[in-house]
């Protein structure tokens, strides 16, 4: 993938992680929240 494509994919991953984290937190899935929060941080700009 090109650097531009990587940036777009990382942005989309962060967006989807944020959505999942919100639902997981609502349902008390602490381990999922922690995992996906770390994943988002890994793919930060």
C-alpha atoms as a PDB file:
ATOM      1  CA  UNK A   1       0.000   0.000   0.000  1.00  0.00           C
ATOM      2  CA  UNK A   2       1.098   3.546  -0.597  1.00  0.00           C
ATOM      3  CA  UNK A   3       1.796   5.844   2.361  1.00  0.00           C
ATOM      4  CA  UNK A   4      -1.459   7.679   1.586  1.00  0.00           C
ATOM      5  CA  UNK A   5      -3.427   4.425   1.600  1.00  0.00           C
ATOM      6  CA  UNK A   6      -1.788   3.446   4.903  1.00  0.00           C
ATOM      7  CA  UNK A   7      -2.838   6.762   6.431  1.00  0.00           C
ATOM      8  CA  UNK A   8      -6.435   6.337   5.242  1.00  0.00           C
ATOM      9  CA  UNK A   9      -6.571   2.748   6.521  1.00  0.00           C
ATOM     10  CA  UNK A  10      -5.155   3.763   9.916  1.00  0.00           C
ATOM     11  CA  UNK A  11      -7.696   6.581  10.204  1.00  0.00           C
ATOM     12  CA  UNK A  12     -10.558   4.203   9.418  1.00  0.00           C
ATOM     13  CA  UNK A  13      -9.235   1.639  11.896  1.00  0.00           C
ATOM     14  CA  UNK A  14      -9.144   4.285  14.624  1.00  0.00           C
ATOM     15  CA  UNK A  15     -12.693   5.364  13.762  1.00  0.00           C
ATOM     16  CA  UNK A  16     -14.015   1.807  13.943  1.00  0.00           C
ATOM     17  CA  UNK A  17     -12.109   1.088  17.155  1.00  0.00           C
ATOM     18  CA  UNK A  18     -13.686   4.153  18.756  1.00  0.00           C
ATOM     19  CA  UNK A  19     -17.154   2.891  17.842  1.00  0.00           C
ATOM     20  CA  UNK A  20     -16.401  -0.578  19.204  1.00  0.00           C
ATOM     21  CA  UNK A  21     -14.861   0.838  22.395  1.00  0.00           C
ATOM     22  CA  UNK A  22     -17.985   2.869  23.067  1.00  0.00           C
ATOM     23  CA  UNK A  23     -20.191  -0.238  22.809  1.00  0.00           C
ATOM     24  CA  UNK A  24     -17.807  -2.437  24.778  1.00  0.00           C
ATOM     25  CA  UNK A  25     -17.622   0.114  27.592  1.00  0.00           C
ATOM     26  CA  UNK A  26     -21.406   0.319  27.673  1.00  0.00           C
ATOM     27  CA  UNK A  27     -21.545  -3.466  28.117  1.00  0.00           C
ATOM     28  CA  UNK A  28     -18.751  -3.634  30.686  1.00  0.00           C
ATOM     29  CA  UNK A  29     -16.222  -5.426  28.462  1.00  0.00           C
ATOM     30  CA  UNK A  30     -13.160  -3.942  30.128  1.00  0.00           C
ATOM     31  CA  UNK A  31     -10.597  -6.191  28.424  1.00  0.00           C
ATOM     32  CA  UNK A  32     -11.965  -5.321  24.984  1.00  0.00           C
ATOM     33  CA  UNK A  33     -11.857  -1.614  25.820  1.00  0.00           C
ATOM     34  CA  UNK A  34      -8.227  -1.915  26.926  1.00  0.00           C
ATOM     35  CA  UNK A  35      -7.211  -3.945  23.854  1.00  0.00           C
ATOM     36  CA  UNK A  36      -8.830  -1.647  21.297  1.00  0.00           C
ATOM     37  CA  UNK A  37      -7.608   1.483  23.068  1.00  0.00           C
ATOM     38  CA  UNK A  38      -4.035   0.179  22.782  1.00  0.00           C
ATOM     39  CA  UNK A  39      -4.662  -0.694  19.129  1.00  0.00           C
ATOM     40  CA  UNK A  40      -5.866   2.856  18.439  1.00  0.00           C
ATOM     41  CA  UNK A  41      -2.768   4.282  20.122  1.00  0.00           C
ATOM     42  CA  UNK A  42      -0.531   2.055  18.002  1.00  0.00           C
ATOM     43  CA  UNK A  43      -1.998   3.497  14.798  1.00  0.00           C
ATOM     44  CA  UNK A  44      -2.109   7.130  15.896  1.00  0.00           C
ATOM     45  CA  UNK A  45      -0.937   9.740  13.353  1.00  0.00           C
END
